[in-house]
C-alpha cells in the first residue's frame, strides 16, 4: 500500500470518527442549551471546566502527540518495541503522579482560585467552585487515555482512539438527559468524569493487542525517556499559555451580560466543527508518517508531505470560513436554538462566530505546521509561536473589551489575530530550516483558493438574500435548512467552478485521496 493510500484510508477513518464526535459534541451543547439556556448555571459549568482542562492541557493533551508519537514511531521503525513500551510507562507514571498532586492542590485552593478567574455573584462563584471540584478527576483519566491514543497512533492504529471521543460525548449527553433533571448542573460535571473514564476504557483492549503492558515505573536511564520529557516540557508550556486565552476570555465574558460565557462557548463549539472534522484529523494522520520519514532520513518525502498538506488545508478551509460567515446566523439557529435557548442567545453567538471564523484557516494550518516540527523532535519552536499568539490575543482581547467596547466579538478578534500570527511565524521558520520547502508555493495556492472563496461567499450572500425575501425571513428549522443548503450549495458550486477555471491542483488531490480511501474489489 502506498503512503498516499495509507494516509487516505487513515484519514477517512479519523475524519469519520471526528465528524461523529463533532456531531455528538454539537448534540451535547444543544442538550445543555435546551436544558439550562444561556444563563447562570451553564455559565458556571463552562467556567468550572477551565481549571481541570488547564491541568490536562498543561500536563498531557497535545504534549503526548508532540513527544510520544515521534519517539515511539522512531523506536518501532527500528524494531525496538520493548524499549518503546518502557518509555511510555515512564511518561505515563510521571503524568499521573503530577496530575494527582495538582488535583489535590486545586481542590483545596478552589475558593481562592475561582474568584480570581470569574466575576460572578456569590452564588455563581460558589456553584463554580463546587463544579470544579467534581471535575478534577477527569484530567487524570483523560491523561491516561491520551497516552493510549498516542501509542495506538504511533503504530498507525487510529480506529479505537478516534472512536474514544464519541464515548466521552455520549456519556455527557446521557448525564445531561438523566442526571441533570435530578441533580441539576452538578449532573453535567459527573457526566464529564464518567465520559473521561469511558474515553480510557474503550482504548484498553486494542492497546493491549499491540503488546503494551503498563508498569508503574520511572526509568530515566533511557535517553529516549528523558528526551520525551524534554520534548513535553516546552509543549506543555505552550498549551498552558494557550489555555490562558480561554481563562482570560472566560474572565472577560463573565463580567459582561449574563449568558456571555455560554454564548462564547457555543460559538467556539460551532467553530471547532470544521476544524475538528478536517484540520485536526489531517494533523493526526500525517504526524506518524512525517516522523517515520525523518527517522529514515527521507527528507524529500517529509517536505513534500508538509507542503501538500498545508496547501490542501487552505483549499478546503478558506471557502468553509467565508461561506460560514455568510450563513452564521442560520447555522447558530439550526445548531443551538432549542428549548430555553433564546433569540438573544442566537444573536450573541452568531456575532462571536462571525469573527472566530477569521481564525479557521490559520488554526487548521497550525495543526499541520506544528506537527512538522514535532516530527523533527522540536517542540520549542511551536511553543514560541503559541506564546506569541497568546500575547497578541490576550492583550487585544483585554483592550477590546475594556477600552474599545467591542465585548464578545473583541475577544474573538484577538483569537483570530493571534492565530494568523502563529501560523505565519511557523511558515517563516520552516522556510529558513527546511530545504525544499517553498512558502511562495503555499502562498500562491492560498491566494487562488481565497479568490474562489470570496466569489463563493458573494454567491452565497446573494442567494441567501433572495431566499430570506422569498421565505419572509422565516426562522423555522425547515427554512434555515433550505437557506443553508441552497445558499451554501450555490457557493460551493461556484468554488468548484473557479477551482477548475484556475486549475487548482488540490481539487484533483482531493479526488485522488477519496479514490484511494474507498475500498475496491481485489484491493486490501
Protein backbone atom coordinates (compact mmCIF):
# COMPACT_ATOMS: atom_id res chain seq x y z
CA UNK A 1 0.00 0.00 0.00
CA UNK A 2 1.41 3.43 -0.97
CA UNK A 3 1.89 6.20 1.58
CA UNK A 4 -0.84 8.24 -0.10
CA UNK A 5 -3.27 5.31 0.02
CA UNK A 6 -2.39 4.55 3.64
CA UNK A 7 -2.85 8.17 4.65
CA UNK A 8 -6.11 8.38 2.73
CA UNK A 9 -7.59 5.35 4.49
CA UNK A 10 -6.36 6.52 7.88
CA UNK A 11 -7.72 9.97 7.10
CA UNK A 12 -11.10 8.50 6.19
CA UNK A 13 -11.29 6.60 9.48
CA UNK A 14 -10.16 9.53 11.60
CA UNK A 15 -12.26 12.09 9.73
CA UNK A 16 -15.36 9.91 10.03
CA UNK A 17 -14.84 9.47 13.75
CA UNK A 18 -14.01 13.15 14.24
CA UNK A 19 -17.16 14.08 12.32
CA UNK A 20 -19.25 11.81 14.52
CA UNK A 21 -17.53 13.24 17.59
CA UNK A 22 -18.24 16.81 16.50
CA UNK A 23 -21.86 15.94 15.80
CA UNK A 24 -22.15 14.45 19.27
CA UNK A 25 -20.35 17.48 20.68
CA UNK A 26 -22.94 19.64 18.97
CA UNK A 27 -25.75 17.49 20.33
CA UNK A 28 -24.20 17.77 23.79
CA UNK A 29 -24.23 21.56 23.59
CA UNK A 30 -27.79 21.54 22.22
CA UNK A 31 -28.95 19.45 25.19
CA UNK A 32 -27.13 21.83 27.56
CA UNK A 33 -28.73 24.88 25.97
CA UNK A 34 -32.19 23.32 25.80
CA UNK A 35 -32.00 22.23 29.45
CA UNK A 36 -30.41 25.28 31.06
CA UNK A 37 -30.42 28.05 28.42
CA UNK A 38 -27.56 30.54 28.08
CA UNK A 39 -27.82 31.51 31.73
CA UNK A 40 -26.02 31.46 35.11
CA UNK A 41 -26.00 27.66 35.62
CA UNK A 42 -24.38 26.99 32.25
CA UNK A 43 -22.03 29.95 32.69
CA UNK A 44 -20.83 28.37 35.96
CA UNK A 45 -20.37 24.95 34.34
CA UNK A 46 -18.32 26.29 31.44
CA UNK A 47 -16.22 28.43 33.80
CA UNK A 48 -15.67 25.45 36.13
CA UNK A 49 -14.41 23.39 33.20
CA UNK A 50 -11.47 25.76 32.71
CA UNK A 51 -9.16 24.68 35.56
CA UNK A 52 -9.47 20.88 35.04
CA UNK A 53 -8.99 21.46 31.32
CA UNK A 54 -5.94 23.62 32.02
CA UNK A 55 -4.45 20.80 34.10
CA UNK A 56 -4.99 18.30 31.30
CA UNK A 57 -3.66 20.60 28.59
CA UNK A 58 -0.66 21.62 30.68
CA UNK A 59 0.46 18.12 31.68
CA UNK A 60 -0.81 15.85 28.91
CA UNK A 61 -3.07 16.57 25.90
CA UNK A 62 -1.04 17.64 22.87
CA UNK A 63 2.21 17.03 24.73
CA UNK A 64 1.57 13.36 24.06
CA UNK A 65 1.49 13.84 20.31
CA UNK A 66 4.48 16.17 20.46
CA UNK A 67 6.65 13.79 22.49
CA UNK A 68 5.44 10.20 22.48
CA UNK A 69 4.35 9.80 18.85
CA UNK A 70 7.68 10.84 17.25
CA UNK A 71 9.77 8.86 19.75
CA UNK A 72 7.63 5.73 19.79
CA UNK A 73 7.26 5.84 15.98
CA UNK A 74 11.03 6.06 15.64
CA UNK A 75 11.63 3.16 18.05
CA UNK A 76 9.09 0.97 16.27
CA UNK A 77 10.67 1.86 12.92
CA UNK A 78 13.94 0.42 14.27
CA UNK A 79 12.28 -2.66 15.81
CA UNK A 80 12.74 -1.56 19.45
CA UNK A 81 9.20 -2.29 20.64
CA UNK A 82 10.01 -3.20 24.25
CA UNK A 83 12.00 -0.04 24.69
CA UNK A 84 9.10 1.97 23.32
CA UNK A 85 6.81 0.45 25.98
CA UNK A 86 9.27 1.27 28.77
CA UNK A 87 9.42 4.88 27.65
CA UNK A 88 5.62 5.05 27.55
CA UNK A 89 5.30 3.57 31.07
CA UNK A 90 7.75 6.10 32.46
CA UNK A 91 5.94 9.02 30.87
CA UNK A 92 2.52 7.79 31.99
CA UNK A 93 3.64 7.24 35.59
CA UNK A 94 5.07 10.75 35.87
CA UNK A 95 2.00 12.32 34.27
CA UNK A 96 -0.46 10.54 36.56
CA UNK A 97 1.53 11.45 39.67
CA UNK A 98 1.74 15.09 38.64
CA UNK A 99 -1.98 15.36 37.90
CA UNK A 100 -2.93 13.69 41.17
CA UNK A 101 -0.93 16.27 43.13
CA UNK A 102 -2.38 19.13 41.07
CA UNK A 103 -5.93 17.86 41.62
CA UNK A 104 -5.48 17.91 45.40
CA UNK A 105 -3.97 21.41 45.31
CA UNK A 106 -6.73 22.83 43.10
CA UNK A 107 -9.47 21.21 45.21
CA UNK A 108 -8.10 22.84 48.35
CA UNK A 109 -7.32 26.21 46.72
CA UNK A 110 -10.51 26.48 44.63
CA UNK A 111 -12.13 29.11 46.93
CA UNK A 112 -9.15 31.35 46.20
CA UNK A 113 -8.56 30.47 42.54
CA UNK A 114 -12.13 30.66 41.20
CA UNK A 115 -12.92 34.22 42.37
CA UNK A 116 -9.67 35.32 40.71
CA UNK A 117 -10.91 33.95 37.37
CA UNK A 118 -14.61 34.82 37.23
CA UNK A 119 -16.71 37.87 38.11
CA UNK A 120 -19.94 36.07 39.03
CA UNK A 121 -22.07 36.92 42.05
CA UNK A 122 -21.55 34.96 45.30
CA UNK A 123 -23.96 32.18 44.33
CA UNK A 124 -22.43 31.79 40.87
CA UNK A 125 -18.91 31.70 42.31
CA UNK A 126 -19.85 29.04 44.89
CA UNK A 127 -21.52 26.97 42.17
CA UNK A 128 -18.38 27.21 40.02
CA UNK A 129 -16.19 26.04 42.92
CA UNK A 130 -18.43 23.00 43.50
CA UNK A 131 -18.41 22.01 39.83
CA UNK A 132 -14.64 22.46 39.55
CA UNK A 133 -14.03 20.05 42.42
CA UNK A 134 -16.30 17.42 40.87
CA UNK A 135 -14.48 17.54 37.53
CA UNK A 136 -10.94 17.32 38.93
CA UNK A 137 -10.83 13.55 38.37
CA UNK A 138 -11.40 13.94 34.62
CA UNK A 139 -7.91 15.24 33.66
CA UNK A 140 -6.29 12.21 35.32
CA UNK A 141 -8.43 9.80 33.33
CA UNK A 142 -8.06 11.79 30.11
CA UNK A 143 -4.27 11.87 30.50
CA UNK A 144 -4.12 8.07 30.64
CA UNK A 145 -6.40 8.00 27.59
CA UNK A 146 -4.12 10.46 25.77
CA UNK A 147 -1.14 8.15 26.28
CA UNK A 148 -3.18 5.25 24.90
CA UNK A 149 -4.16 7.36 21.88
CA UNK A 150 -0.54 8.31 21.20
CA UNK A 151 0.68 4.72 21.40
CA UNK A 152 -2.05 3.49 19.05
CA UNK A 153 -1.48 6.32 16.57
CA UNK A 154 2.28 5.74 16.60
CA UNK A 155 1.62 2.29 15.16
CA UNK A 156 -0.83 3.57 12.58
CA UNK A 157 -3.89 2.38 14.54
CA UNK A 158 -6.47 5.16 14.51
CA UNK A 159 -9.89 3.50 14.84
CA UNK A 160 -10.21 2.98 18.61
CA UNK A 161 -8.56 6.26 19.53
CA UNK A 162 -10.80 8.09 17.06
CA UNK A 163 -13.94 6.45 18.49
CA UNK A 164 -13.00 7.23 22.12
CA UNK A 165 -14.25 10.85 22.00
CA UNK A 166 -17.65 9.51 20.90
CA UNK A 167 -17.91 7.60 24.18
CA UNK A 168 -16.89 10.75 26.06
CA UNK A 169 -19.61 12.83 24.43
CA UNK A 170 -22.28 10.13 24.76
CA UNK A 171 -21.64 9.86 28.49
CA UNK A 172 -22.00 13.62 28.97
CA UNK A 173 -25.16 13.70 26.86
CA UNK A 174 -26.57 10.85 28.94
CA UNK A 175 -25.75 12.75 32.12
CA UNK A 176 -27.48 15.87 30.78
CA UNK A 177 -30.61 13.86 29.98
CA UNK A 178 -30.79 11.57 33.03
CA UNK A 179 -28.70 13.15 35.82
CA UNK A 180 -29.20 16.88 35.30
CA UNK A 181 -33.00 16.79 35.83
CA UNK A 182 -32.36 15.18 39.23
CA UNK A 183 -29.06 16.72 40.35
CA UNK A 184 -29.10 19.97 38.40
CA UNK A 185 -25.90 21.26 36.81
CA UNK A 186 -23.67 19.02 39.04
CA UNK A 187 -25.08 16.15 36.95
CA UNK A 188 -23.22 17.58 33.95
CA UNK A 189 -19.97 17.64 35.93
CA UNK A 190 -20.43 13.98 36.88
CA UNK A 191 -21.04 13.23 33.22
CA UNK A 192 -17.65 14.72 32.35
CA UNK A 193 -15.93 12.33 34.79
CA UNK A 194 -17.89 9.32 33.52
CA UNK A 195 -17.10 10.31 29.93
CA UNK A 196 -13.38 10.59 30.69
CA UNK A 197 -13.43 7.08 32.14
CA UNK A 198 -15.16 5.75 29.03
CA UNK A 199 -12.62 7.56 26.83
CA UNK A 200 -9.88 5.50 28.50
CA UNK A 201 -11.65 2.14 28.76
CA UNK A 202 -12.60 1.95 25.06
CA UNK A 203 -8.90 2.04 24.10
CA UNK A 204 -7.53 -0.51 26.56
CA UNK A 205 -8.30 -3.67 24.58
CA UNK A 206 -6.75 -2.52 21.26
CA UNK A 207 -3.82 -1.08 23.20
CA UNK A 208 -3.24 -4.44 24.87
CA UNK A 209 -3.31 -6.08 21.43
CA UNK A 210 -0.26 -4.01 20.44
CA UNK A 211 1.77 -5.71 23.17
CA UNK A 212 1.88 -2.75 25.55
CA UNK A 213 1.74 -3.58 29.26
CA UNK A 214 1.79 -0.68 31.67
CA UNK A 215 4.30 -0.92 34.50
CA UNK A 216 4.25 1.81 37.18
CA UNK A 217 7.91 2.70 36.82
CA UNK A 218 10.14 5.71 36.33
CA UNK A 219 13.19 4.72 34.28
CA UNK A 220 15.09 7.89 33.45
CA UNK A 221 18.21 5.95 32.49
CA UNK A 222 16.80 5.55 28.98
CA UNK A 223 17.82 8.56 26.85
CA UNK A 224 14.56 8.37 24.87
CA UNK A 225 12.53 8.59 28.08
CA UNK A 226 14.49 11.67 29.07
CA UNK A 227 14.04 13.15 25.62
CA UNK A 228 10.30 12.52 25.77
CA UNK A 229 10.12 14.56 28.96
CA UNK A 230 12.33 17.26 27.46
CA UNK A 231 10.07 17.43 24.41
CA UNK A 232 6.96 17.55 26.58
CA UNK A 233 8.13 20.46 28.72
CA UNK A 234 8.02 23.24 26.10
CA UNK A 235 4.87 21.82 24.52
CA UNK A 236 3.19 21.77 27.93
CA UNK A 237 4.26 25.37 28.40
CA UNK A 238 2.76 26.28 25.05
CA UNK A 239 -0.52 24.52 25.78
CA UNK A 240 -0.64 26.14 29.20
CA UNK A 241 -0.10 29.50 27.55
CA UNK A 242 -2.87 28.72 25.06
CA UNK A 243 -5.22 27.95 27.94
CA UNK A 244 -4.55 31.44 29.25
CA UNK A 245 -6.53 32.60 26.22
CA UNK A 246 -9.61 30.75 27.43
CA UNK A 247 -9.12 31.73 31.06
CA UNK A 248 -8.92 35.40 30.06
CA UNK A 249 -11.85 35.01 27.66
CA UNK A 250 -13.92 33.42 30.43
CA UNK A 251 -12.91 36.13 32.89
CA UNK A 252 -13.75 38.94 30.46
CA UNK A 253 -17.03 37.33 29.36
CA UNK A 254 -18.12 36.70 32.96
CA UNK A 255 -18.06 40.46 33.52
CA UNK A 256 -20.38 41.11 30.57
CA UNK A 257 -24.11 40.36 30.30
CA UNK A 258 -25.45 37.11 31.76
CA UNK A 259 -25.07 34.34 29.21
CA UNK A 260 -21.91 35.76 27.62
CA UNK A 261 -19.70 32.88 28.79
CA UNK A 262 -22.22 30.41 27.35
CA UNK A 263 -22.55 32.34 24.07
CA UNK A 264 -18.77 32.36 23.61
CA UNK A 265 -18.64 28.62 24.33
CA UNK A 266 -21.46 27.87 21.88
CA UNK A 267 -19.73 29.90 19.14
CA UNK A 268 -16.40 28.21 19.80
CA UNK A 269 -18.11 24.81 19.60
CA UNK A 270 -19.51 25.68 16.16
CA UNK A 271 -16.08 26.97 15.10
CA UNK A 272 -14.48 23.69 16.18
CA UNK A 273 -16.72 21.55 13.96
CA UNK A 274 -14.87 22.10 10.63
CA UNK A 275 -11.55 22.36 12.43
CA UNK A 276 -12.12 19.05 14.20
CA UNK A 277 -13.53 17.25 11.18
CA UNK A 278 -10.83 18.30 8.69
CA UNK A 279 -7.87 20.17 10.20
CA UNK A 280 -7.12 18.09 13.27
CA UNK A 281 -7.58 14.66 11.61
CA UNK A 282 -5.11 15.65 8.91
CA UNK A 283 -2.58 16.58 11.56
CA UNK A 284 -3.19 13.32 13.43
CA UNK A 285 -2.68 11.03 10.43
CA UNK A 286 0.31 12.89 8.96
CA UNK A 287 2.44 13.07 12.14
CA UNK A 288 3.41 9.35 12.27
CA UNK A 289 4.29 9.43 8.54
CA UNK A 290 6.36 12.59 8.94
CA UNK A 291 8.09 11.09 11.99
CA UNK A 292 8.95 7.89 10.09
CA UNK A 293 10.27 9.90 7.12
CA UNK A 294 12.56 11.86 9.45
CA UNK A 295 13.70 8.71 11.29
CA UNK A 296 14.63 7.08 7.96
CA UNK A 297 16.29 10.21 6.57
CA UNK A 298 13.69 10.60 3.80
CA UNK A 299 13.76 14.40 3.85
CA UNK A 300 12.21 14.86 0.41
CA UNK A 301 9.13 12.83 1.36
CA UNK A 302 8.80 14.77 4.62
CA UNK A 303 8.98 18.16 2.88
CA UNK A 304 6.55 17.08 0.19
CA UNK A 305 4.02 15.82 2.73
CA UNK A 306 4.15 19.05 4.75
CA UNK A 307 3.78 21.26 1.68
CA UNK A 308 0.92 19.27 0.15
CA UNK A 309 -0.91 19.10 3.47
CA UNK A 310 -0.76 22.87 4.06
CA UNK A 311 -1.90 23.66 0.52
CA UNK A 312 -4.74 21.18 0.83
CA UNK A 313 -5.91 22.51 4.18
CA UNK A 314 -6.08 26.06 2.81
CA UNK A 315 -8.01 24.89 -0.23
CA UNK A 316 -10.66 23.31 2.00
CA UNK A 317 -10.82 25.75 4.91
CA UNK A 318 -10.95 29.10 3.10
CA UNK A 319 -14.36 28.53 1.44
CA UNK A 320 -15.76 26.98 4.61
CA UNK A 321 -14.73 30.07 6.58
CA UNK A 322 -16.18 32.57 4.09
CA UNK A 323 -19.45 30.73 3.45
CA UNK A 324 -19.74 30.13 7.20
CA UNK A 325 -19.53 33.88 7.81
CA UNK A 326 -22.42 34.43 5.41
CA UNK A 327 -24.58 31.70 6.96
CA UNK A 328 -23.54 32.24 10.59
CA UNK A 329 -26.98 33.21 11.94
CA UNK A 330 -28.69 30.35 10.13
CA UNK A 331 -26.05 27.91 11.38
CA UNK A 332 -26.36 29.04 15.00
CA UNK A 333 -30.15 28.97 14.84
CA UNK A 334 -30.14 25.46 13.41
CA UNK A 335 -27.40 24.16 15.70
CA UNK A 336 -28.42 25.61 19.06
CA UNK A 337 -31.84 27.31 19.10
CA UNK A 338 -33.80 24.68 21.03
CA UNK A 339 -35.69 24.64 24.33
CA UNK A 340 -34.62 27.51 26.58
CA UNK A 341 -32.05 28.87 24.10
CA UNK A 342 -33.31 32.37 23.22
CA UNK A 343 -33.15 34.57 20.11
CA UNK A 344 -30.82 36.84 22.07
CA UNK A 345 -28.54 33.85 22.56
CA UNK A 346 -28.60 33.25 18.79
CA UNK A 347 -27.64 36.86 18.12
CA UNK A 348 -24.78 36.86 20.65
CA UNK A 349 -23.42 33.52 19.44
CA UNK A 350 -23.63 34.41 15.74
CA UNK A 351 -21.72 37.65 16.33
CA UNK A 352 -18.88 35.78 18.01
CA UNK A 353 -18.84 33.05 15.35
CA UNK A 354 -18.52 35.64 12.56
CA UNK A 355 -15.21 36.84 13.98
CA UNK A 356 -13.93 33.43 15.09
CA UNK A 357 -14.21 32.11 11.52
CA UNK A 358 -11.40 34.50 10.55
CA UNK A 359 -9.17 32.16 12.56
CA UNK A 360 -10.31 28.95 10.85
CA UNK A 361 -7.67 28.77 8.05
CA UNK A 362 -4.67 29.58 10.28
CA UNK A 363 -5.81 27.23 13.06
CA UNK A 364 -6.06 24.40 10.52
CA UNK A 365 -2.61 25.28 9.16
CA UNK A 366 -1.18 25.20 12.69
CA UNK A 367 -2.47 21.62 13.12
CA UNK A 368 -0.13 20.63 10.26
CA UNK A 369 2.76 23.05 10.75
CA UNK A 370 3.25 22.35 14.46
CA UNK A 371 3.44 18.62 13.76
CA UNK A 372 6.08 19.25 11.10
CA UNK A 373 8.28 20.45 13.97
CA UNK A 374 7.22 17.62 16.31
CA UNK A 375 8.32 15.10 13.68
CA UNK A 376 11.81 16.62 13.99
CA UNK A 377 11.56 16.39 17.79
CA UNK A 378 11.38 20.17 18.00
CA UNK A 379 8.70 21.34 20.42
CA UNK A 380 10.35 24.66 21.28
CA UNK A 381 9.52 26.48 18.04
CA UNK A 382 5.77 25.72 18.04
CA UNK A 383 5.64 26.74 21.70
CA UNK A 384 7.33 30.06 20.99
CA UNK A 385 4.81 30.71 18.22
CA UNK A 386 1.92 29.73 20.51
CA UNK A 387 3.13 32.07 23.25
CA UNK A 388 3.33 34.92 20.73
CA UNK A 389 -0.26 34.16 19.70
CA UNK A 390 -1.40 34.19 23.33
CA UNK A 391 0.29 37.53 23.99
CA UNK A 392 -1.46 39.02 20.97
CA UNK A 393 -4.93 37.63 21.59
CA UNK A 394 -4.96 38.26 25.34
CA UNK A 395 -3.65 41.81 25.00
CA UNK A 396 -6.05 42.66 22.20
CA UNK A 397 -8.97 40.97 23.99
CA UNK A 398 -8.44 42.99 27.16
CA UNK A 399 -8.11 46.26 25.24
CA UNK A 400 -11.09 45.41 23.01
CA UNK A 401 -13.40 44.76 25.97
CA UNK A 402 -12.20 47.33 28.49
CA UNK A 403 -11.22 50.21 26.18
CA UNK A 404 -12.93 49.76 22.80
CA UNK A 405 -16.26 48.35 24.00
CA UNK A 406 -16.20 45.51 21.45
CA UNK A 407 -17.32 42.97 24.08
CA UNK A 408 -17.53 39.32 22.90
CA UNK A 409 -16.57 39.97 19.23
CA UNK A 410 -13.48 41.77 20.52
CA UNK A 411 -12.38 38.65 22.42
CA UNK A 412 -12.89 36.58 19.26
CA UNK A 413 -10.94 39.05 17.12
CA UNK A 414 -7.97 38.78 19.46
CA UNK A 415 -8.02 34.99 18.99
CA UNK A 416 -8.13 35.40 15.19
CA UNK A 417 -5.21 37.85 15.12
CA UNK A 418 -3.14 35.56 17.34
CA UNK A 419 -3.87 32.53 15.14
CA UNK A 420 -2.71 34.28 11.97
CA UNK A 421 0.46 35.50 13.68
CA UNK A 422 1.23 31.97 14.92
CA UNK A 423 0.67 30.33 11.53
CA UNK A 424 2.75 32.88 9.62
CA UNK A 425 5.61 32.61 12.11
CA UNK A 426 5.68 28.81 11.76
CA UNK A 427 5.76 29.14 7.96
CA UNK A 428 8.63 31.63 8.18
CA UNK A 429 10.69 29.36 10.44
CA UNK A 430 10.04 26.31 8.24
CA UNK A 431 11.22 28.33 5.26
CA UNK A 432 14.54 29.01 6.98
CA UNK A 433 15.10 25.50 8.31
CA UNK A 434 13.58 23.13 5.77
CA UNK A 435 15.44 22.78 2.49
CA UNK A 436 12.96 22.39 -0.34
CA UNK A 437 10.04 23.98 1.49
CA UNK A 438 8.70 26.78 -0.72
CA UNK A 439 6.32 29.12 1.12
CA UNK A 440 5.63 31.05 -2.09
CA UNK A 441 4.01 27.90 -3.49
CA UNK A 442 1.80 27.75 -0.40
CA UNK A 443 1.00 31.46 -0.68
CA UNK A 444 0.15 31.17 -4.37
CA UNK A 445 -2.18 28.26 -3.64
CA UNK A 446 -3.73 30.23 -0.78
CA UNK A 447 -4.36 33.30 -2.96
CA UNK A 448 -6.05 31.25 -5.67
CA UNK A 449 -8.18 29.47 -3.09
CA UNK A 450 -9.03 32.82 -1.47
CA UNK A 451 -10.25 34.20 -4.80
CA UNK A 452 -12.57 31.24 -5.18
CA UNK A 453 -13.70 31.54 -1.55
CA UNK A 454 -14.61 35.23 -1.90
CA UNK A 455 -16.61 34.56 -5.08
CA UNK A 456 -18.31 31.64 -3.33
CA UNK A 457 -19.16 33.88 -0.37
CA UNK A 458 -20.61 36.60 -2.60
CA UNK A 459 -22.73 33.99 -4.38
CA UNK A 460 -23.96 32.52 -1.10
CA UNK A 461 -24.80 36.01 0.20
CA UNK A 462 -26.80 36.87 -2.91
CA UNK A 463 -28.73 33.62 -2.86
CA UNK A 464 -29.36 33.97 0.89
CA UNK A 465 -30.78 37.47 0.41
CA UNK A 466 -33.18 36.16 -2.22
CA UNK A 467 -34.23 33.21 -0.04
CA UNK A 468 -34.80 35.37 3.03
CA UNK A 469 -37.14 37.57 0.99
CA UNK A 470 -38.92 34.62 -0.55
CA UNK A 471 -39.34 32.94 2.84
CA UNK A 472 -40.33 36.23 4.54
CA UNK A 473 -37.34 35.93 6.92
CA UNK A 474 -38.81 32.79 8.48
CA UNK A 475 -36.77 31.29 11.32
CA UNK A 476 -38.30 27.81 11.36
CA UNK A 477 -35.83 24.94 11.24
CA UNK A 478 -37.04 23.92 7.78
CA UNK A 479 -36.46 27.46 6.46
CA UNK A 480 -32.97 27.55 7.99
CA UNK A 481 -32.12 24.19 6.42
CA UNK A 482 -33.28 25.40 2.99
CA UNK A 483 -31.23 28.59 3.31
CA UNK A 484 -28.09 26.74 4.38
CA UNK A 485 -28.34 24.01 1.76
CA UNK A 486 -29.30 26.23 -1.18
CA UNK A 487 -27.10 29.25 -0.42
CA UNK A 488 -24.20 27.13 0.81
CA UNK A 489 -24.57 24.73 -2.11
CA UNK A 490 -24.57 27.59 -4.61
CA UNK A 491 -21.41 28.98 -3.04
CA UNK A 492 -19.80 25.54 -3.11
CA UNK A 493 -20.59 25.05 -6.80
CA UNK A 494 -19.07 28.44 -7.63
CA UNK A 495 -15.95 27.49 -5.67
CA UNK A 496 -15.60 24.25 -7.62
CA UNK A 497 -16.08 26.11 -10.91
CA UNK A 498 -13.44 28.70 -10.00
CA UNK A 499 -11.06 25.92 -8.89
CA UNK A 500 -11.45 24.23 -12.25
CA UNK A 501 -11.00 27.51 -14.12
CA UNK A 502 -7.86 28.38 -12.15
CA UNK A 503 -6.61 24.78 -12.41
CA UNK A 504 -6.06 24.49 -8.68
CA UNK A 505 -4.32 21.09 -8.27
CA UNK A 506 -5.72 20.47 -4.78
CA UNK A 507 -9.10 19.69 -6.32
CA UNK A 508 -7.53 16.75 -8.16
CA UNK A 509 -5.69 15.78 -4.97
CA UNK A 510 -8.95 15.52 -3.07
CA UNK A 511 -10.49 13.35 -5.78
CA UNK A 512 -7.47 11.03 -5.70
CA UNK A 513 -7.46 10.83 -1.91
CA UNK A 514 -11.14 9.93 -1.89
CA UNK A 515 -10.49 7.29 -4.53
CA UNK A 516 -7.58 5.86 -2.53
CA UNK A 517 -9.63 5.82 0.68
CA UNK A 518 -12.51 3.81 -0.77
CA UNK A 519 -12.07 0.04 -0.95
CA UNK A 520 -12.07 -1.62 -4.36
CA UNK A 521 -12.57 -5.26 -5.32
CA UNK A 522 -9.29 -7.11 -5.12
CA UNK A 523 -7.56 -4.33 -3.18
CA UNK A 524 -6.80 -4.92 0.52
